[in-house]
Each structure stands twice: as C-alpha cells, then as structure tokens.
Amino acid sequence: MKMFMFIFLNILNIKVFGFFLKNNIISRQSVNFLFLQSFPEKCIPTVLNNVHSLNNLVKNIKENDIIELNNYYDKLKPNIEYLSYSELDKVRLSLVIAYYAHYNQKRLSSEKFIIHPYNVAIILSELKCDSDTIIGGILHDTVEDTCVTLNEIERLFGENVRNIVYGVTKVTKCGNENENAYETNLVSMFLSMRNDWRIILVKLADRLHNMRTLEFMEEKKQKKISEETLEIYSPLAHRVGMWNIRNELEDLSFKNLNPMKYKEVVDNRTKIIRNYSENIDILKEKLKNILSKIVPGKYDLEYRTKSIYSAWKKAERNNCEISDLKDLIAIRVIINEDWVFNLAEPSSICFIILSKIHKEWKYVPGTVKDYINFPKQNGYQSLHTTILTENNLPLEIQIRTKKMHNIAENGTAAHWKYKSEKLNKKSVSWLNILDERDKFVSKKSLITSALKLPTIK
C-alpha cells in the first residue's frame, strides 16, 4: 500500500507540474508543492516536454546529467539562501532549462557550456542580486545560442526575466557587428539598461567570467576583448558603483594588454605593502582602542590595497612613482548603524570617529573628503582622510556605515536590498544623456559622453 501511494504521488506530482507549465501557473504555492526533494529526477522529462524547443532532448537524459545538475545547484544554493523558497525553486528550474538548452555545447576550454552561466550566477549571487537577475544570468545565452525562445522564458519565469535576457542578448550582439552597427547597438544597449538596470549586472557578470577565462582564446582576440573591456565595461562598472568588478576587469585587461608593466606594478606594490605591514598592525590596535570607546563591538576594520591598474593609472596621470601615492593602502572603518538608535542620522557617528582620528594622528591637508554629504554620482558614500603613521608613511582611512559599505562594494546590485528605487534611479541617472542623443554628431561621441568619468585627482 505504501509503495502504491509513493508511486501515485510521484505520478501526480509530474502531472500537476505539467499542468502548471502548460497553463503558465508559476505561483509560490504551486512551485513549493512541485519542487520536492525528488524534483530533478522525476520532473525533468516533464519540463523538457513542456518547453517546445527542448522536446527532442528528453531522450538524452542520463543519470550522470542528473548528478551533475544537482551538484551545480547544491554549490549555488548556499549563496542564494537569502531568497524565498519559491524563488529558490525558480532558480533551480532555470538551471535545468540552461543545462539542457546548452547540452551539446562546449566552451573553448573544452568544458561544458553550462559552466559559464553557472559562474555568472555565482558572481551575481555574491552581489546578493534578486532572483530575476540570477535567473536572467543563468539563461542569458539561451536565446542567442540555443533554440529556447523569449516567449518560453516569459511563460516560465515572467516578463522581468524575459526583458533581462532580451536586453543582455542585444548587448552581446554589439561585439559581432561592423563598427557602425556596433555603436548603434551600444546605444540600444544603454537604452535597455535604463529601462531595467539589472541588465547591467548580468552583462558585467558575463564579461567578468569571460575575462577570467580569456586565456583559451587566440591572442589577437584576447587583446581586442581586453581593449573593449577597458573602453566600455570597466567605465560601466564604475558608473554603477561596482568597484570590485571594475577593479578585476581592469586588472585582467591590463595583464593581457601589457603583461610586463603589469608585473612591474605588482612587484612594486608588494614591496610597499611589506614596508607598511608593521605600521598597520600598530595603527589597527590604536584604532580599536578609539572605536571601542565610541562604538564598542559594533564595527569592522578592513584592509584595502589600491588595484593594480588603478595604481598604475594614477601614477601615470600624476607623473609619479607608485610609492608616491597617498591612497595606495587604506583601512576601512565600517560601522553597524542598526544600534545607533539615539542619533537622527547614523552617519553622524562617522564624523565623531573622524575627529577622534585627527586628534590621534596628523593628517595630510587636502585629503579629507566628505562623500557622505556629497555622494559621488554612482551613489558612493564615505568619509576619507589620509594620516601619517609613526614612520611618516601616508595611510588613507575610510569611514562609512554598513549600508554605505554594501552600496560602495556592490553598487546598483545592493540597492534592491534596501528597497530604494530612488537609489537605483540615481545610479543610472547618467544615462539620461540619451534623451539628448540627437544633439551629438555621432553615436561614438554619445557613447564617450555617457561613459565619461569625472577626473580623479
């Protein structure tokens, strides 16, 4: 009897799942019911049968595929546990679709193609993106490279995911056209991004993983992609405040374009860091004593070194040596603002800490920067000052709240966490220049103006 009930429930599960797919019913309740522990083994044939473009793949399902698919999801899941159960289930479903859509495709590394959308999802999950963005990342190559259609994506995952995949597909086509069409597509890309800023996140994650695996391409193509990354995608990451991605894109591009100079900067930077190590340990202990009296147990200290490309670029711009840079090394003071219930503005604590630091150490005139009251265009907020350590070495200190730090590190991607549509719009407000595109003599000058960054002294 128990065996009969078990078989009956599994058959019912599959039949109901097929009904939901056919009738486009993907609600929280239905997904939670359908995605039982046995989902991949029992429901994959039903998924493929109900996605017309993948019908012919049902016969290809093998036990090893199921194991591999489960492994991908098990590795991704710890990164996305901030999502709801129904959102997790949709992410799992998108992995199934992407896995079989790219089933017979390989990357230049000879790995299965699924490794790319999976890694894009990992990057997006590290940014704590919402479920639609992660699903869009997993499916971003399906429409361009497989038989899956936008209508099928919309039927399974909704209009938002469809728009993200469509927007990223248009961006991808930019690199496959002649110069004039390329510029036209870039403008089209920016227009799509203004309609849904999450397209930027997926495309940047896509580009980052491609840059990480660039060695499998021929040298000429490596150079071209690296130049494009520095020209378009690094400024784009900067514009939306995604510093970590921007730095990695720049460093990887720099390494490909000028490997000898890259190694020279790395070596010089390593020597300088070694000289600072003892001073930093002493300074951190003093900082802890100051902070324990103001925000006891409610802070974090982080150590940051200027990225390789940024250090080289700033030294070139200022016609100086890497060792002359006053912000090569920085310590970040990050305050957990949740406990500051007696202050009208949690950021006020940052200014209190700044005054205490200036009493303890001499600071370099002209290095105090208030990005809290005067944020950067991409939403970045922090207090900066450069002090002189015991050995008279300059050291930058950055002071910010936890919320400011999350936005500083992850830019636009962090804004949805704080439910701030105002922040989202502000971080892509630079795209408003597209409203004046008729005033530009060429699309190239429009693109340059849109991506032009403020001069950093």
Protein backbone atom coordinates (compact mmCIF):
# COMPACT_ATOMS: atom_id res chain seq x y z
CA MET A 1 0.00 0.00 0.00
CA LYS A 2 2.81 2.41 0.92
CA MET A 3 4.60 1.63 -2.34
CA PHE A 4 1.38 2.26 -4.28
CA MET A 5 0.92 5.65 -2.56
CA PHE A 6 4.53 6.60 -3.25
CA ILE A 7 4.18 5.82 -6.98
CA PHE A 8 0.79 7.56 -7.12
CA LEU A 9 2.14 10.76 -5.51
CA ASN A 10 5.13 10.91 -7.86
CA ILE A 11 2.89 10.48 -10.90
CA LEU A 12 0.55 13.13 -9.52
CA ASN A 13 3.49 15.47 -8.93
CA ILE A 14 4.66 15.16 -12.53
CA LYS A 15 1.13 15.51 -13.99
CA VAL A 16 0.38 18.60 -11.91
CA PHE A 17 3.76 20.09 -12.81
CA GLY A 18 2.94 19.64 -16.49
CA PHE A 19 -0.42 21.31 -15.94
CA PHE A 20 1.24 24.35 -14.34
CA LEU A 21 3.74 24.63 -17.19
CA LYS A 22 1.08 24.40 -19.87
CA ASN A 23 -1.16 26.90 -18.15
CA ASN A 24 1.63 29.28 -17.14
CA ILE A 25 0.91 29.00 -13.42
CA ILE A 26 4.13 29.56 -11.50
CA SER A 27 2.98 30.81 -8.12
CA ARG A 28 4.74 30.43 -4.76
CA GLN A 29 2.28 27.77 -3.62
CA SER A 30 2.47 25.70 -6.81
CA VAL A 31 6.26 25.82 -7.00
CA ASN A 32 6.69 24.81 -3.37
CA PHE A 33 4.39 21.84 -3.92
CA LEU A 34 6.08 20.78 -7.14
CA PHE A 35 9.72 21.10 -6.24
CA LEU A 36 10.01 18.23 -3.82
CA GLN A 37 13.37 16.69 -2.98
CA SER A 38 12.95 14.39 -5.98
CA PHE A 39 12.32 17.23 -8.46
CA PRO A 40 15.31 16.79 -10.82
CA GLU A 41 14.91 13.02 -11.28
CA LYS A 42 11.12 12.99 -11.60
CA CYS A 43 10.25 16.24 -13.28
CA ILE A 44 13.00 16.91 -15.84
CA PRO A 45 11.23 14.95 -18.62
CA THR A 46 8.06 16.92 -17.89
CA VAL A 47 9.98 20.21 -18.01
CA LEU A 48 11.57 19.38 -21.36
CA ASN A 49 8.33 18.02 -22.85
CA ASN A 50 6.54 21.27 -21.99
CA VAL A 51 9.26 23.54 -23.38
CA HIS A 52 8.74 23.01 -27.10
CA SER A 53 12.27 23.94 -28.15
CA LEU A 54 13.72 21.27 -25.82
CA ASN A 55 11.30 18.41 -26.66
CA ASN A 56 13.91 16.45 -28.57
CA LEU A 57 16.30 16.35 -25.56
CA VAL A 58 14.14 14.08 -23.38
CA LYS A 59 15.85 11.01 -24.83
CA ASN A 60 19.27 12.43 -23.81
CA ILE A 61 18.61 12.47 -20.07
CA LYS A 62 21.23 10.34 -18.30
CA GLU A 63 21.88 9.57 -14.65
CA ASN A 64 25.22 11.41 -14.75
CA ASP A 65 23.46 14.54 -16.03
CA ILE A 66 21.09 14.47 -13.07
CA ILE A 67 24.00 14.11 -10.65
CA GLU A 68 25.90 16.97 -12.32
CA LEU A 69 22.83 19.20 -12.35
CA ASN A 70 22.22 18.54 -8.66
CA ASN A 71 25.88 19.34 -7.90
CA TYR A 72 25.61 22.71 -9.63
CA TYR A 73 22.51 23.62 -7.65
CA ASP A 74 23.99 22.37 -4.35
CA LYS A 75 27.04 24.62 -4.87
CA LEU A 76 24.93 27.63 -5.82
CA LYS A 77 22.30 27.26 -3.11
CA PRO A 78 24.40 28.41 -0.09
CA ASN A 79 25.00 31.71 -1.93
CA ILE A 80 21.30 32.38 -2.55
CA GLU A 81 19.68 31.31 0.72
CA TYR A 82 18.55 34.91 1.20
CA LEU A 83 15.89 34.18 -1.46
CA SER A 84 12.44 32.78 -0.64
CA TYR A 85 11.60 29.09 -1.16
CA SER A 86 9.63 29.81 -4.32
CA GLU A 87 12.49 31.93 -5.69
CA LEU A 88 14.98 29.16 -4.97
CA ASP A 89 12.77 26.75 -6.87
CA LYS A 90 12.63 29.04 -9.89
CA VAL A 91 16.42 29.36 -9.86
CA ARG A 92 16.64 25.56 -9.82
CA LEU A 93 14.23 25.32 -12.74
CA SER A 94 16.31 27.85 -14.71
CA LEU A 95 19.41 25.69 -14.17
CA VAL A 96 17.55 22.72 -15.65
CA ILE A 97 16.50 24.76 -18.71
CA ALA A 98 20.01 26.18 -19.24
CA TYR A 99 21.71 22.81 -18.72
CA TYR A 100 19.69 21.07 -21.41
CA ALA A 101 19.46 24.08 -23.74
CA HIS A 102 23.29 24.16 -23.85
CA TYR A 103 23.51 20.36 -23.66
CA ASN A 104 25.75 19.72 -26.68
CA GLN A 105 27.73 22.96 -26.49
CA LYS A 106 31.32 23.33 -25.26
CA ARG A 107 33.45 26.33 -24.36
CA LEU A 108 36.91 26.89 -25.83
CA SER A 109 38.30 25.35 -22.63
CA SER A 110 36.51 22.10 -23.65
CA GLU A 111 34.29 22.37 -20.58
CA LYS A 112 30.52 22.01 -20.90
CA PHE A 113 28.97 25.37 -21.77
CA ILE A 114 26.78 25.32 -18.63
CA ILE A 115 29.90 26.19 -16.61
CA HIS A 116 29.63 29.76 -17.95
CA PRO A 117 26.01 30.64 -17.00
CA TYR A 118 26.59 28.82 -13.70
CA ASN A 119 29.60 31.04 -12.91
CA VAL A 120 27.66 34.13 -13.97
CA ALA A 121 25.02 33.11 -11.41
CA ILE A 122 27.74 32.66 -8.77
CA ILE A 123 29.03 36.21 -9.42
CA LEU A 124 25.50 37.64 -9.22
CA SER A 125 24.79 35.68 -6.03
CA GLU A 126 27.92 37.17 -4.42
CA LEU A 127 26.37 40.57 -5.16
CA LYS A 128 23.17 39.37 -3.44
CA CYS A 129 21.08 40.10 -6.52
CA ASP A 130 17.36 39.37 -6.66
CA SER A 131 16.02 36.12 -8.13
CA ASP A 132 15.05 37.59 -11.52
CA THR A 133 18.62 38.84 -12.02
CA ILE A 134 20.15 35.48 -11.10
CA ILE A 135 17.72 33.59 -13.35
CA GLY A 136 18.45 36.10 -16.14
CA GLY A 137 22.15 35.38 -15.63
CA ILE A 138 21.62 31.63 -15.90
CA LEU A 139 19.53 31.99 -19.07
CA HIS A 140 21.36 34.93 -20.65
CA ASP A 141 22.85 32.93 -23.57
CA THR A 142 19.89 30.66 -24.27
CA VAL A 143 18.05 32.87 -26.76
CA GLU A 144 21.19 33.78 -28.72
CA ASP A 145 22.90 30.36 -28.72
CA THR A 146 20.07 27.80 -28.44
CA CYS A 147 16.53 27.11 -29.64
CA VAL A 148 14.89 28.47 -26.47
CA THR A 149 12.64 31.44 -27.23
CA LEU A 150 11.85 34.61 -25.31
CA ASN A 151 8.19 33.56 -25.16
CA GLU A 152 9.13 30.29 -23.45
CA ILE A 153 11.28 32.19 -20.94
CA GLU A 154 8.42 34.58 -20.21
CA ARG A 155 5.95 31.70 -19.81
CA LEU A 156 8.19 30.00 -17.24
CA PHE A 157 9.77 32.94 -15.40
CA GLY A 158 7.79 36.08 -16.17
CA GLU A 159 8.19 39.31 -18.10
CA ASN A 160 11.07 40.68 -15.99
CA VAL A 161 13.34 37.72 -16.74
CA ARG A 162 12.38 37.89 -20.42
CA ASN A 163 13.37 41.58 -20.56
CA ILE A 164 16.70 40.92 -18.83
CA VAL A 165 17.59 38.09 -21.23
CA TYR A 166 16.48 40.16 -24.22
CA GLY A 167 18.50 43.16 -23.05
CA VAL A 168 21.66 41.09 -22.49
CA THR A 169 21.21 39.39 -25.89
CA LYS A 170 21.17 42.82 -27.58
CA VAL A 171 24.32 43.79 -25.67
CA THR A 172 26.10 40.58 -26.71
CA LYS A 173 25.37 41.27 -30.37
CA CYS A 174 27.30 44.54 -30.05
CA GLY A 175 30.61 42.75 -30.50
CA ASN A 176 29.53 40.84 -33.60
CA GLU A 177 28.86 43.72 -35.98
CA ASN A 178 30.87 46.16 -38.06
CA GLU A 179 31.93 49.41 -36.37
CA ASN A 180 28.87 51.47 -37.30
CA ALA A 181 26.40 48.76 -36.25
CA TYR A 182 28.47 48.16 -33.10
CA GLU A 183 27.99 51.77 -31.98
CA THR A 184 24.29 51.66 -32.84
CA ASN A 185 23.88 48.54 -30.73
CA LEU A 186 25.76 50.13 -27.83
CA VAL A 187 23.26 52.99 -27.76
CA SER A 188 20.47 50.40 -27.91
CA MET A 189 22.16 48.61 -25.02
CA PHE A 190 22.20 51.75 -22.88
CA LEU A 191 18.51 52.35 -23.62
CA SER A 192 17.70 48.80 -22.49
CA MET A 193 19.74 49.29 -19.33
CA ARG A 194 17.86 52.45 -18.47
CA ASN A 195 14.58 50.51 -18.66
CA ASP A 196 15.91 47.77 -16.37
CA TRP A 197 19.24 48.41 -14.60
CA ARG A 198 19.60 44.66 -13.84
CA ILE A 199 20.71 44.13 -17.44
CA ILE A 200 23.91 45.96 -16.44
CA LEU A 201 24.53 43.50 -13.61
CA VAL A 202 24.10 40.41 -15.79
CA LYS A 203 26.26 41.79 -18.59
CA LEU A 204 29.04 42.78 -16.19
CA ALA A 205 28.97 39.33 -14.55
CA ASP A 206 29.03 37.76 -18.04
CA ARG A 207 32.01 39.88 -19.07
CA LEU A 208 33.86 39.19 -15.81
CA HIS A 209 33.68 35.41 -16.20
CA ASN A 210 34.70 35.68 -19.85
CA MET A 211 37.72 37.79 -18.81
CA ARG A 212 38.66 35.21 -16.18
CA THR A 213 38.78 32.52 -18.89
CA LEU A 214 40.27 34.62 -21.66
CA GLU A 215 43.45 32.52 -21.97
CA PHE A 216 41.60 29.96 -24.09
CA MET A 217 41.14 32.48 -26.91
CA GLU A 218 43.68 33.38 -29.56
CA GLU A 219 45.97 36.26 -28.62
CA LYS A 220 44.53 38.75 -31.10
CA LYS A 221 41.03 38.24 -29.74
CA GLN A 222 42.30 38.49 -26.16
CA LYS A 223 43.70 41.94 -26.93
CA LYS A 224 40.51 43.11 -28.66
CA ILE A 225 38.26 41.96 -25.81
CA SER A 226 40.60 43.49 -23.20
CA GLU A 227 40.56 46.84 -25.02
CA GLU A 228 36.76 46.74 -25.24
CA THR A 229 36.57 45.90 -21.55
CA LEU A 230 38.66 48.94 -20.60
CA GLU A 231 36.76 51.18 -23.01
CA ILE A 232 33.17 50.09 -22.23
CA TYR A 233 32.70 47.65 -19.36
CA SER A 234 35.13 48.99 -16.78
CA PRO A 235 33.63 52.53 -17.01
CA LEU A 236 30.18 50.94 -16.94
CA ALA A 237 31.01 49.11 -13.69
CA HIS A 238 32.39 52.36 -12.28
CA ARG A 239 29.28 54.25 -13.30
CA VAL A 240 27.03 51.90 -11.30
CA GLY A 241 29.44 51.78 -8.34
CA MET A 242 30.51 48.13 -8.66
CA TRP A 243 34.09 48.69 -7.53
CA ASN A 244 35.17 45.08 -7.07
CA ILE A 245 34.03 44.09 -10.56
CA ARG A 246 35.52 47.24 -12.07
CA ASN A 247 38.90 46.59 -10.42
CA GLU A 248 39.03 42.96 -11.52
CA LEU A 249 38.01 43.82 -15.10
CA GLU A 250 40.72 46.48 -15.26
CA ASP A 251 43.42 44.29 -13.75
CA LEU A 252 42.65 41.37 -16.07
CA SER A 253 42.61 43.68 -19.11
CA PHE A 254 45.86 45.36 -18.04
CA LYS A 255 47.51 41.95 -17.57
CA ASN A 256 46.52 40.92 -21.12
CA LEU A 257 47.43 44.19 -22.81
CA ASN A 258 50.70 44.98 -21.02
CA PRO A 259 51.96 41.93 -19.10
CA MET A 260 55.45 43.35 -18.43
CA LYS A 261 54.15 46.62 -16.97
CA TYR A 262 51.54 44.65 -15.01
CA LYS A 263 54.27 42.52 -13.37
CA GLU A 264 56.36 45.62 -12.60
CA VAL A 265 53.43 47.30 -10.80
CA VAL A 266 52.64 44.10 -8.88
CA ASP A 267 56.26 43.79 -7.71
CA ASN A 268 56.48 47.46 -6.64
CA ARG A 269 53.14 47.31 -4.87
CA THR A 270 54.17 44.15 -2.99
CA LYS A 271 57.37 45.82 -1.72
CA ILE A 272 55.45 48.87 -0.50
CA ILE A 273 52.85 46.74 1.28
CA ARG A 274 55.66 44.88 3.05
CA ASN A 275 57.06 48.20 4.33
CA TYR A 276 53.64 49.15 5.70
CA SER A 277 52.83 45.85 7.44
CA GLU A 278 54.29 46.63 10.89
CA ASN A 279 52.87 50.17 10.94
CA ILE A 280 49.40 48.93 10.02
CA ASP A 281 49.33 46.40 12.88
CA ILE A 282 50.20 49.12 15.40
CA LEU A 283 47.71 51.56 13.88
CA LYS A 284 44.89 48.99 13.90
CA GLU A 285 45.38 48.39 17.62
CA LYS A 286 45.16 52.13 18.31
CA LEU A 287 42.09 52.38 16.10
CA LYS A 288 40.44 49.54 18.02
CA ASN A 289 41.02 51.40 21.30
CA ILE A 290 39.38 54.54 19.86
CA LEU A 291 36.45 52.65 18.36
CA SER A 292 35.80 50.53 21.46
CA LYS A 293 35.01 53.73 23.38
CA ILE A 294 32.66 55.11 20.70
CA VAL A 295 31.07 52.03 19.06
CA PRO A 296 32.04 49.06 21.28
CA GLY A 297 31.78 45.82 19.33
CA LYS A 298 29.78 47.48 16.56
CA TYR A 299 32.42 47.94 13.89
CA ASP A 300 34.66 46.10 11.44
CA LEU A 301 38.13 47.02 10.23
CA GLU A 302 39.11 46.13 6.68
CA TYR A 303 42.41 46.47 4.88
CA ARG A 304 42.33 47.59 1.21
CA THR A 305 45.11 47.92 -1.35
CA LYS A 306 44.57 50.01 -4.48
CA SER A 307 44.05 47.78 -7.51
CA ILE A 308 46.99 47.18 -9.86
CA TYR A 309 45.55 49.05 -12.82
CA SER A 310 44.23 51.96 -10.69
CA ALA A 311 47.64 52.39 -9.02
CA TRP A 312 49.43 52.40 -12.39
CA LYS A 313 46.89 54.75 -13.97
CA LYS A 314 47.04 57.26 -11.10
CA ALA A 315 50.85 57.22 -11.06
CA GLU A 316 50.87 57.82 -14.84
CA ARG A 317 48.32 60.64 -14.55
CA ASN A 318 50.23 62.38 -11.77
CA ASN A 319 53.65 61.64 -13.30
CA CYS A 320 54.90 60.00 -10.13
CA GLU A 321 56.02 56.63 -8.78
CA ILE A 322 53.68 54.05 -7.26
CA SER A 323 55.38 54.67 -3.90
CA ASP A 324 54.31 58.35 -4.03
CA LEU A 325 50.59 57.54 -4.00
CA LYS A 326 48.97 58.56 -0.72
CA ASP A 327 45.99 56.24 -1.09
CA LEU A 328 47.75 53.06 -2.20
CA ILE A 329 46.82 51.44 1.10
CA ALA A 330 43.69 52.16 3.12
CA ILE A 331 41.96 50.97 6.26
CA ARG A 332 38.18 50.96 6.26
CA VAL A 333 36.18 51.56 9.41
CA ILE A 334 32.72 50.07 8.87
CA ILE A 335 30.04 50.90 11.44
CA ASN A 336 26.96 48.76 12.04
CA GLU A 337 24.35 51.52 12.11
CA ASP A 338 21.49 49.36 13.44
CA TRP A 339 22.38 50.05 17.06
CA VAL A 340 22.71 53.84 16.74
CA PHE A 341 19.15 54.46 17.84
CA ASN A 342 19.86 57.74 19.61
CA LEU A 343 21.14 59.54 16.51
CA ALA A 344 18.85 61.16 13.97
CA GLU A 345 21.41 60.25 11.29
CA PRO A 346 23.56 57.11 11.78
CA SER A 347 26.18 58.74 9.55
CA SER A 348 26.82 61.28 12.35
CA ILE A 349 28.93 58.66 14.12
CA CYS A 350 31.33 58.69 11.16
CA PHE A 351 32.16 62.35 11.76
CA ILE A 352 32.69 61.71 15.50
CA ILE A 353 35.17 58.95 14.64
CA LEU A 354 36.92 61.19 12.10
CA SER A 355 37.51 63.90 14.74
CA LYS A 356 38.99 61.34 17.16
CA ILE A 357 41.33 60.02 14.45
CA HIS A 358 42.57 63.53 13.68
CA LYS A 359 43.34 64.05 17.37
CA GLU A 360 45.43 60.86 17.45
CA TRP A 361 47.37 61.29 14.17
CA LYS A 362 48.49 64.13 11.94
CA TYR A 363 46.56 64.21 8.71
CA VAL A 364 47.67 65.34 5.27
CA PRO A 365 46.00 68.68 4.38
CA GLY A 366 43.62 68.49 1.43
CA THR A 367 42.95 64.77 1.79
CA VAL A 368 39.73 64.99 3.82
CA LYS A 369 36.80 64.18 1.53
CA ASP A 370 33.15 64.16 2.58
CA TYR A 371 31.33 61.79 0.26
CA ILE A 372 28.58 61.30 2.84
CA ASN A 373 27.01 64.73 2.43
CA PHE A 374 28.27 64.98 -1.14
CA PRO A 375 27.95 61.46 -2.64
CA LYS A 376 29.53 60.52 -5.94
CA GLN A 377 27.24 60.29 -8.94
CA ASN A 378 27.03 56.49 -8.63
CA GLY A 379 25.81 56.75 -5.03
CA TYR A 380 29.16 56.11 -3.29
CA GLN A 381 29.28 57.49 0.27
CA SER A 382 32.17 57.54 2.73
CA LEU A 383 34.48 59.83 4.70
CA HIS A 384 38.12 59.82 3.55
CA THR A 385 41.21 61.16 5.28
CA THR A 386 44.94 60.44 4.92
CA ILE A 387 47.03 60.31 8.08
CA LEU A 388 50.77 59.95 8.69
CA THR A 389 51.83 56.80 10.54
CA GLU A 390 54.67 56.55 13.09
CA ASN A 391 57.22 56.18 10.27
CA ASN A 392 55.71 59.17 8.46
CA LEU A 393 54.10 56.95 5.83
CA PRO A 394 50.77 58.19 4.40
CA LEU A 395 47.79 55.91 5.04
CA GLU A 396 44.21 56.52 3.91
CA ILE A 397 41.36 55.83 6.32
CA GLN A 398 37.80 55.45 5.04
CA ILE A 399 34.85 55.67 7.45
CA ARG A 400 31.35 54.52 6.50
CA THR A 401 28.26 52.71 7.77
CA LYS A 402 27.50 49.12 6.84
CA LYS A 403 24.81 50.23 4.40
CA MET A 404 27.21 52.67 2.73
CA HIS A 405 29.80 49.91 2.52
CA ASN A 406 27.44 47.44 0.84
CA ILE A 407 26.49 50.03 -1.76
CA ALA A 408 30.15 51.07 -2.18
CA GLU A 409 31.18 47.47 -2.85
CA ASN A 410 28.21 46.24 -4.89
CA GLY A 411 26.76 49.47 -6.29
CA THR A 412 23.41 49.17 -8.01
CA ALA A 413 23.17 45.49 -7.07
CA ALA A 414 22.94 46.40 -3.37
CA HIS A 415 20.14 48.95 -3.80
CA TRP A 416 17.30 46.44 -4.10
CA LYS A 417 18.26 45.10 -0.65
CA TYR A 418 17.40 48.49 0.84
CA LYS A 419 14.18 48.76 -1.20
CA SER A 420 15.44 52.02 -2.63
CA GLU A 421 14.16 52.68 -6.13
CA LYS A 422 15.41 56.24 -5.65
CA LEU A 423 18.97 54.93 -5.29
CA ASN A 424 18.54 52.66 -8.31
CA LYS A 425 17.42 55.56 -10.50
CA LYS A 426 20.21 57.78 -9.20
CA SER A 427 22.88 55.20 -10.00
CA VAL A 428 21.80 55.07 -13.66
CA SER A 429 20.85 58.75 -13.95
CA TRP A 430 23.93 59.32 -16.10
CA LEU A 431 22.03 57.51 -18.87
CA ASN A 432 19.68 60.50 -19.08
CA ILE A 433 22.16 61.88 -21.60
CA LEU A 434 20.46 59.53 -24.07
CA ASP A 435 17.49 61.93 -24.08
CA GLU A 436 19.78 64.38 -25.86
CA ARG A 437 21.23 61.87 -28.34
CA ASP A 438 20.02 63.92 -31.33
CA LYS A 439 22.41 66.69 -30.32
CA PHE A 440 25.52 64.54 -30.81
CA VAL A 441 27.26 64.49 -34.19
CA SER A 442 27.93 60.75 -33.92
CA LYS A 443 26.91 57.76 -31.85
CA LYS A 444 30.54 57.34 -30.84
CA SER A 445 30.63 60.80 -29.22
CA LEU A 446 27.36 59.98 -27.42
CA ILE A 447 28.83 56.74 -26.05
CA THR A 448 32.00 58.54 -24.95
CA SER A 449 29.96 61.21 -23.16
CA ALA A 450 27.74 58.62 -21.46
CA LEU A 451 30.72 56.66 -20.12
CA LYS A 452 32.96 59.64 -19.43
CA LEU A 453 34.05 59.56 -15.81
CA PRO A 454 34.82 62.56 -13.63
CA THR A 455 38.52 63.32 -13.35
CA ILE A 456 40.08 61.85 -10.21
CA LYS A 457 42.97 63.89 -8.87
